[in-house]
Amino acid sequence: MHKIFSATVTAAALLSALLPAPAQATQAVQATQTVPAAQGDRADRAGSAAAVATAALPAPVPCKGCWRPALNTSWQWQLDSAPTKPFLDVQMYDIDGFEARDGAVVKALKAAKPGRGVVCYISAGSYEDWRPDAKSFPASVLGKKLDGWPGERWLDIRQYKGPLGKIMEARLDMCKKAGFDAVEPDLIDGFSNDTGFPLTGAHQLAYNVWLANEAHERGMSIALKNDVEQIPQLLPYYDFALNEECWSHDECTTAQNGGDYGYDQFVKAGKAVFQVEYELPAGRFCARSNAQNFNSLVKNWDLDAKRTPCRGR
């Protein structure tokens, strides 16, 4: 299931992005403690670290002919169960990949509205003990439990060139075989959380870039899920973005983030932004979201079929 983690800079995130592993081990604090760092200092340090990390990243893999959502795209995000007829008259559905792995729902969604894009939700940053491939995860990649999410543990994303990568490749193959047009990998911001591993910002960038290139190799576009802080580095690799609660956390736009990062950068690049709030009523954020050209919804926490779109459809 989806997870909510604020992209506000945390002590562990800041240190992990800027310090080598030995320093992290002795100096990092719990990821839930917020650092009220000065915007200017943070921008200078994050910028320097990002420049070093980005220089080592592979080139983006082109995805010629891939489906990509328009800036203004009506959509439904439903993960608690597979959608059933009658389907909503929206241009995009984002659904659980394992629930739809036989391809029947994907085929039905496309038949009901030609041209509709269907997005495959998978967790790329956590182990979920109820998934059919759970036994494939070696103990070496399993980290701390996710608070509030029974049966889930963080993953050591540094092992993407080994057993973890094989598992994620199989999940992407599952999405492709089922007929999905795109993939939404969740929990790809472990470096800013207390995972039990000394993950750095550079580790996260390497993993997230690898995921994007692997999706493109399979002819699927890919959404950047949360990980607000690394938008500038990941923007060339990701085709659209999906965010939870950035208005609640005042981190949607570059201006809100001290000029460093924001989802308006996706829009400026011609890439769609899909955004959800759970606690804020529509009247508290929809006008701002529409002004940014975001595709925003109000949803229940369990991501069932209920939705309130900011744009009316």
Protein backbone atom coordinates (compact mmCIF):
# COMPACT_ATOMS: atom_id res chain seq x y z
CA MET A 1 0.00 0.00 0.00
CA HIS A 2 1.00 3.63 -0.44
CA LYS A 3 3.18 5.33 2.17
CA ILE A 4 3.35 8.96 3.22
CA PHE A 5 6.69 10.49 4.14
CA SER A 6 7.21 14.24 4.11
CA ALA A 7 10.03 15.39 1.88
CA THR A 8 10.96 18.03 4.46
CA VAL A 9 14.70 17.78 5.01
CA THR A 10 15.45 15.51 7.95
CA ALA A 11 18.61 15.01 9.90
CA ALA A 12 19.24 11.55 8.50
CA ALA A 13 18.45 12.67 4.96
CA LEU A 14 20.75 15.68 5.11
CA LEU A 15 23.65 13.78 6.65
CA SER A 16 23.23 10.76 4.40
CA ALA A 17 23.27 12.91 1.29
CA LEU A 18 26.36 14.84 2.32
CA LEU A 19 28.50 12.59 4.55
CA PRO A 20 30.31 9.28 3.92
CA ALA A 21 28.94 6.17 5.58
CA PRO A 22 31.29 6.19 8.64
CA ALA A 23 30.25 9.73 9.49
CA GLN A 24 26.60 8.81 9.14
CA ALA A 25 26.99 5.95 11.58
CA THR A 26 28.27 8.24 14.32
CA GLN A 27 26.47 11.49 13.58
CA ALA A 28 23.05 10.65 12.06
CA VAL A 29 19.95 11.03 14.20
CA GLN A 30 16.50 9.55 13.82
CA ALA A 31 14.88 10.41 10.48
CA THR A 32 11.75 11.67 12.19
CA GLN A 33 13.56 14.67 13.68
CA THR A 34 13.20 17.67 11.41
CA VAL A 35 16.19 19.92 10.77
CA PRO A 36 15.25 23.61 10.61
CA ALA A 37 18.27 24.28 8.39
CA ALA A 38 18.76 27.65 6.74
CA GLN A 39 17.55 27.54 3.17
CA GLY A 40 20.74 29.09 1.79
CA ASP A 41 23.09 26.70 3.57
CA ARG A 42 20.97 23.71 2.60
CA ALA A 43 20.87 24.78 -1.03
CA ASP A 44 24.65 25.20 -1.20
CA ARG A 45 25.41 21.83 0.38
CA ALA A 46 22.67 19.91 -1.42
CA GLY A 47 23.67 21.51 -4.71
CA SER A 48 27.30 20.46 -4.31
CA ALA A 49 26.36 16.90 -3.36
CA ALA A 50 23.86 16.67 -6.21
CA ALA A 51 26.43 17.87 -8.73
CA VAL A 52 28.86 15.12 -7.71
CA ALA A 53 26.16 12.42 -7.70
CA THR A 54 24.61 13.50 -10.99
CA ALA A 55 27.96 13.45 -12.75
CA ALA A 56 28.22 9.70 -12.17
CA LEU A 57 24.72 8.81 -13.35
CA PRO A 58 24.13 6.93 -16.63
CA ALA A 59 22.38 8.66 -19.49
CA PRO A 60 18.57 8.44 -19.65
CA VAL A 61 17.28 5.56 -21.77
CA PRO A 62 14.92 6.92 -24.44
CA CYS A 63 11.36 5.62 -24.43
CA LYS A 64 10.24 6.18 -27.99
CA GLY A 65 6.56 5.55 -28.51
CA CYS A 66 5.83 5.30 -24.81
CA TRP A 67 2.49 6.52 -23.49
CA ARG A 68 2.85 9.78 -21.61
CA PRO A 69 0.03 11.67 -19.91
CA ALA A 70 -0.82 15.19 -21.03
CA LEU A 71 -0.34 18.02 -18.54
CA ASN A 72 -4.09 18.12 -17.96
CA THR A 73 -5.14 14.50 -17.46
CA SER A 74 -8.16 13.24 -15.54
CA TRP A 75 -7.33 10.19 -13.43
CA GLN A 76 -8.22 7.69 -10.75
CA TRP A 77 -5.87 6.19 -8.18
CA GLN A 78 -7.33 3.00 -6.73
CA LEU A 79 -5.11 0.56 -4.85
CA ASP A 80 -7.35 -1.15 -2.29
CA SER A 81 -8.85 -3.41 -4.97
CA ALA A 82 -9.00 -3.75 -8.72
CA PRO A 83 -11.55 -1.41 -10.32
CA THR A 84 -14.76 -2.90 -11.67
CA LYS A 85 -17.28 -1.82 -14.28
CA PRO A 86 -18.66 0.71 -14.85
CA PHE A 87 -15.29 2.43 -14.98
CA LEU A 88 -14.89 6.16 -14.53
CA ASP A 89 -14.60 8.25 -17.66
CA VAL A 90 -11.05 9.33 -16.89
CA GLN A 91 -7.94 9.37 -19.03
CA MET A 92 -5.69 7.46 -16.62
CA TYR A 93 -6.06 4.72 -14.02
CA ASP A 94 -3.30 3.92 -11.52
CA ILE A 95 -3.89 0.48 -9.96
CA ASP A 96 -2.04 -2.22 -8.02
CA GLY A 97 0.16 -4.25 -10.34
CA PHE A 98 -0.17 -7.54 -8.47
CA GLU A 99 -3.95 -7.25 -8.32
CA ALA A 100 -4.04 -6.87 -12.11
CA ARG A 101 -1.15 -9.12 -13.11
CA ASP A 102 -3.31 -11.41 -15.24
CA GLY A 103 -3.95 -8.48 -17.58
CA ALA A 104 -7.76 -8.78 -17.60
CA VAL A 105 -8.46 -5.51 -15.77
CA VAL A 106 -5.89 -3.61 -17.81
CA LYS A 107 -7.43 -4.88 -21.03
CA ALA A 108 -10.93 -3.98 -19.85
CA LEU A 109 -9.90 -0.47 -18.82
CA LYS A 110 -8.36 0.18 -22.22
CA ALA A 111 -11.29 -1.28 -24.12
CA ALA A 112 -13.74 0.91 -22.22
CA LYS A 113 -11.87 4.08 -23.19
CA PRO A 114 -9.40 3.84 -26.10
CA GLY A 115 -6.27 5.83 -25.45
CA ARG A 116 -6.57 5.56 -21.70
CA GLY A 117 -3.25 5.04 -19.90
CA VAL A 118 -3.03 2.40 -17.17
CA VAL A 119 -0.29 2.68 -14.55
CA CYS A 120 1.18 -0.22 -12.57
CA TYR A 121 1.70 0.43 -8.86
CA ILE A 122 4.52 -1.55 -7.23
CA SER A 123 6.63 -1.00 -4.14
CA ALA A 124 10.25 -0.58 -5.14
CA GLY A 125 11.51 0.41 -1.71
CA SER A 126 9.86 -2.04 0.68
CA TYR A 127 9.38 -5.75 1.25
CA GLU A 128 5.71 -6.72 1.67
CA ASP A 129 5.18 -10.11 3.25
CA TRP A 130 1.82 -10.69 1.51
CA ARG A 131 3.11 -10.41 -2.05
CA PRO A 132 3.48 -13.60 -4.10
CA ASP A 133 7.20 -12.93 -4.60
CA ALA A 134 7.92 -12.31 -0.90
CA LYS A 135 10.05 -15.46 -0.56
CA SER A 136 12.40 -14.17 -3.26
CA PHE A 137 13.83 -11.46 -0.98
CA PRO A 138 17.06 -12.53 0.76
CA ALA A 139 17.50 -11.52 4.39
CA SER A 140 20.43 -9.30 3.43
CA VAL A 141 18.17 -6.76 1.70
CA LEU A 142 15.61 -6.48 4.52
CA GLY A 143 15.87 -3.49 6.82
CA LYS A 144 13.77 -1.92 9.54
CA LYS A 145 10.01 -2.25 9.73
CA LEU A 146 7.91 0.57 8.34
CA ASP A 147 6.13 2.35 11.16
CA GLY A 148 2.39 1.86 10.87
CA TRP A 149 2.58 -0.66 8.04
CA PRO A 150 2.53 -4.25 9.37
CA GLY A 151 4.36 -6.79 7.25
CA GLU A 152 6.63 -4.27 5.53
CA ARG A 153 10.33 -3.63 5.81
CA TRP A 154 12.66 -1.20 4.09
CA LEU A 155 14.98 -2.51 1.41
CA ASP A 156 18.71 -2.06 0.92
CA ILE A 157 18.49 -0.35 -2.46
CA ARG A 158 22.28 -0.45 -2.80
CA GLN A 159 21.87 -4.09 -3.85
CA TYR A 160 19.99 -3.28 -7.05
CA LYS A 161 22.85 -4.75 -9.09
CA GLY A 162 22.35 -8.05 -7.28
CA PRO A 163 19.34 -9.99 -5.95
CA LEU A 164 17.17 -6.95 -5.34
CA GLY A 165 17.56 -5.86 -8.95
CA LYS A 166 16.42 -9.26 -10.21
CA ILE A 167 13.27 -9.03 -8.09
CA MET A 168 12.46 -5.55 -9.35
CA GLU A 169 13.15 -6.55 -12.93
CA ALA A 170 10.63 -9.38 -12.49
CA ARG A 171 8.07 -6.91 -11.17
CA LEU A 172 8.60 -4.61 -14.14
CA ASP A 173 8.27 -7.61 -16.45
CA MET A 174 4.99 -8.44 -14.70
CA CYS A 175 3.69 -4.93 -15.40
CA LYS A 176 4.76 -5.13 -19.03
CA LYS A 177 3.23 -8.56 -19.57
CA ALA A 178 -0.09 -7.41 -18.08
CA GLY A 179 -0.28 -4.62 -20.64
CA PHE A 180 0.41 -1.60 -18.43
CA ASP A 181 1.58 1.60 -20.07
CA ALA A 182 3.55 2.98 -17.14
CA VAL A 183 4.83 2.11 -13.70
CA GLU A 184 4.53 3.89 -10.35
CA PRO A 185 7.33 2.66 -8.04
CA ASP A 186 6.59 3.52 -4.41
CA LEU A 187 8.96 4.27 -1.54
CA ILE A 188 11.84 5.45 -3.68
CA ASP A 189 12.91 7.95 -1.02
CA GLY A 190 14.36 5.56 1.55
CA PHE A 191 17.49 7.70 1.96
CA SER A 192 15.40 10.27 3.84
CA ASN A 193 13.96 7.68 6.23
CA ASP A 194 15.25 5.44 9.00
CA THR A 195 15.69 2.25 6.96
CA GLY A 196 18.38 0.52 8.99
CA PHE A 197 20.87 1.03 6.17
CA PRO A 198 23.35 3.90 5.66
CA LEU A 199 21.66 5.05 2.48
CA THR A 200 22.85 8.28 0.92
CA GLY A 201 21.31 10.64 -1.58
CA ALA A 202 23.73 9.26 -4.16
CA HIS A 203 22.52 5.71 -3.49
CA GLN A 204 18.93 6.84 -4.01
CA LEU A 205 19.72 8.66 -7.22
CA ALA A 206 21.51 5.61 -8.62
CA TYR A 207 18.60 3.32 -7.77
CA ASN A 208 15.90 5.66 -9.02
CA VAL A 209 17.73 6.25 -12.29
CA TRP A 210 18.17 2.51 -12.73
CA LEU A 211 14.43 1.97 -12.20
CA ALA A 212 13.55 4.62 -14.77
CA ASN A 213 15.92 3.21 -17.36
CA GLU A 214 14.67 -0.34 -16.77
CA ALA A 215 11.05 0.80 -17.24
CA HIS A 216 11.99 2.57 -20.47
CA GLU A 217 13.84 -0.51 -21.71
CA ARG A 218 10.50 -2.31 -21.43
CA GLY A 219 8.59 0.40 -23.31
CA MET A 220 6.84 1.79 -20.22
CA SER A 221 6.92 5.34 -18.93
CA ILE A 222 7.51 5.95 -15.23
CA ALA A 223 6.27 8.25 -12.47
CA LEU A 224 8.49 9.83 -9.83
CA LYS A 225 6.71 9.04 -6.56
CA ASN A 226 7.39 11.66 -3.88
CA ASP A 227 11.23 12.10 -3.43
CA VAL A 228 10.67 15.83 -3.84
CA GLU A 229 14.23 16.77 -2.92
CA GLN A 230 15.77 14.97 -5.90
CA ILE A 231 13.44 16.33 -8.58
CA PRO A 232 16.15 18.42 -10.33
CA GLN A 233 18.41 15.40 -10.80
CA LEU A 234 15.67 12.90 -11.68
CA LEU A 235 13.57 15.09 -13.97
CA PRO A 236 15.40 13.99 -17.16
CA TYR A 237 14.68 10.33 -16.34
CA TYR A 238 11.03 10.45 -15.23
CA ASP A 239 8.04 11.05 -17.47
CA PHE A 240 5.56 12.35 -14.91
CA ALA A 241 5.23 12.70 -11.15
CA LEU A 242 2.89 11.56 -8.41
CA ASN A 243 2.85 13.19 -4.99
CA GLU A 244 1.01 12.71 -1.73
CA GLU A 245 0.27 15.66 0.55
CA CYS A 246 2.74 18.23 -0.72
CA TRP A 247 0.23 21.01 -0.02
CA SER A 248 -0.16 19.77 3.54
CA HIS A 249 3.60 19.91 3.97
CA ASP A 250 4.07 23.19 2.03
CA GLU A 251 6.55 21.56 -0.35
CA CYS A 252 4.76 21.48 -3.71
CA THR A 253 6.57 24.29 -5.48
CA THR A 254 10.12 25.48 -5.96
CA ALA A 255 9.25 28.70 -4.17
CA GLN A 256 8.05 26.75 -1.12
CA ASN A 257 11.34 24.82 -1.08
CA GLY A 258 13.71 27.77 -1.08
CA GLY A 259 14.25 27.73 -4.83
CA ASP A 260 15.74 24.23 -4.85
CA TYR A 261 13.08 21.79 -6.06
CA GLY A 262 9.37 21.53 -6.74
CA TYR A 263 6.74 19.92 -8.92
CA ASP A 264 6.39 23.10 -10.96
CA GLN A 265 9.69 21.99 -12.50
CA PHE A 266 7.89 18.97 -13.98
CA VAL A 267 5.16 21.18 -15.41
CA LYS A 268 7.72 23.58 -16.85
CA ALA A 269 9.32 20.60 -18.61
CA GLY A 270 5.93 19.64 -20.09
CA LYS A 271 5.49 16.64 -17.77
CA ALA A 272 2.26 15.96 -15.89
CA VAL A 273 1.95 16.09 -12.10
CA PHE A 274 -0.62 13.96 -10.27
CA GLN A 275 -1.21 14.98 -6.68
CA VAL A 276 -3.35 13.77 -3.78
CA GLU A 277 -4.39 15.21 -0.43
CA TYR A 278 -6.05 13.18 2.31
CA GLU A 279 -6.72 15.61 5.15
CA LEU A 280 -7.05 18.94 3.35
CA PRO A 281 -10.51 19.68 1.94
CA ALA A 282 -10.68 20.68 -1.70
CA GLY A 283 -11.38 24.29 -0.84
CA ARG A 284 -8.06 24.57 0.97
CA PHE A 285 -5.78 23.64 -1.92
CA CYS A 286 -7.52 23.05 -5.25
CA ALA A 287 -7.27 26.64 -6.46
CA ARG A 288 -3.53 26.61 -5.84
CA SER A 289 -3.15 23.20 -7.43
CA ASN A 290 -5.08 24.22 -10.52
CA ALA A 291 -2.98 27.37 -10.81
CA GLN A 292 0.13 25.16 -10.92
CA ASN A 293 -1.51 22.94 -13.56
CA PHE A 294 -1.41 19.90 -11.24
CA ASN A 295 -3.96 17.09 -11.52
CA SER A 296 -5.08 16.88 -7.90
CA LEU A 297 -7.57 14.71 -6.05
CA VAL A 298 -8.90 14.38 -2.54
CA LYS A 299 -8.76 10.68 -1.61
CA ASN A 300 -9.37 8.43 1.38
CA TRP A 301 -6.29 7.02 3.07
CA ASP A 302 -7.07 3.48 1.91
CA LEU A 303 -7.21 4.64 -1.72
CA ASP A 304 -10.56 3.09 -2.51
CA ALA A 305 -12.77 4.21 -5.40
CA LYS A 306 -13.93 7.45 -3.76
CA ARG A 307 -12.39 10.62 -5.20
CA THR A 308 -12.96 14.36 -5.42
CA PRO A 309 -11.11 15.90 -8.37
CA CYS A 310 -9.96 19.51 -8.27
CA ARG A 311 -10.66 19.93 -11.99
CA GLY A 312 -14.14 18.49 -12.03
CA ARG A 313 -13.60 15.14 -13.73
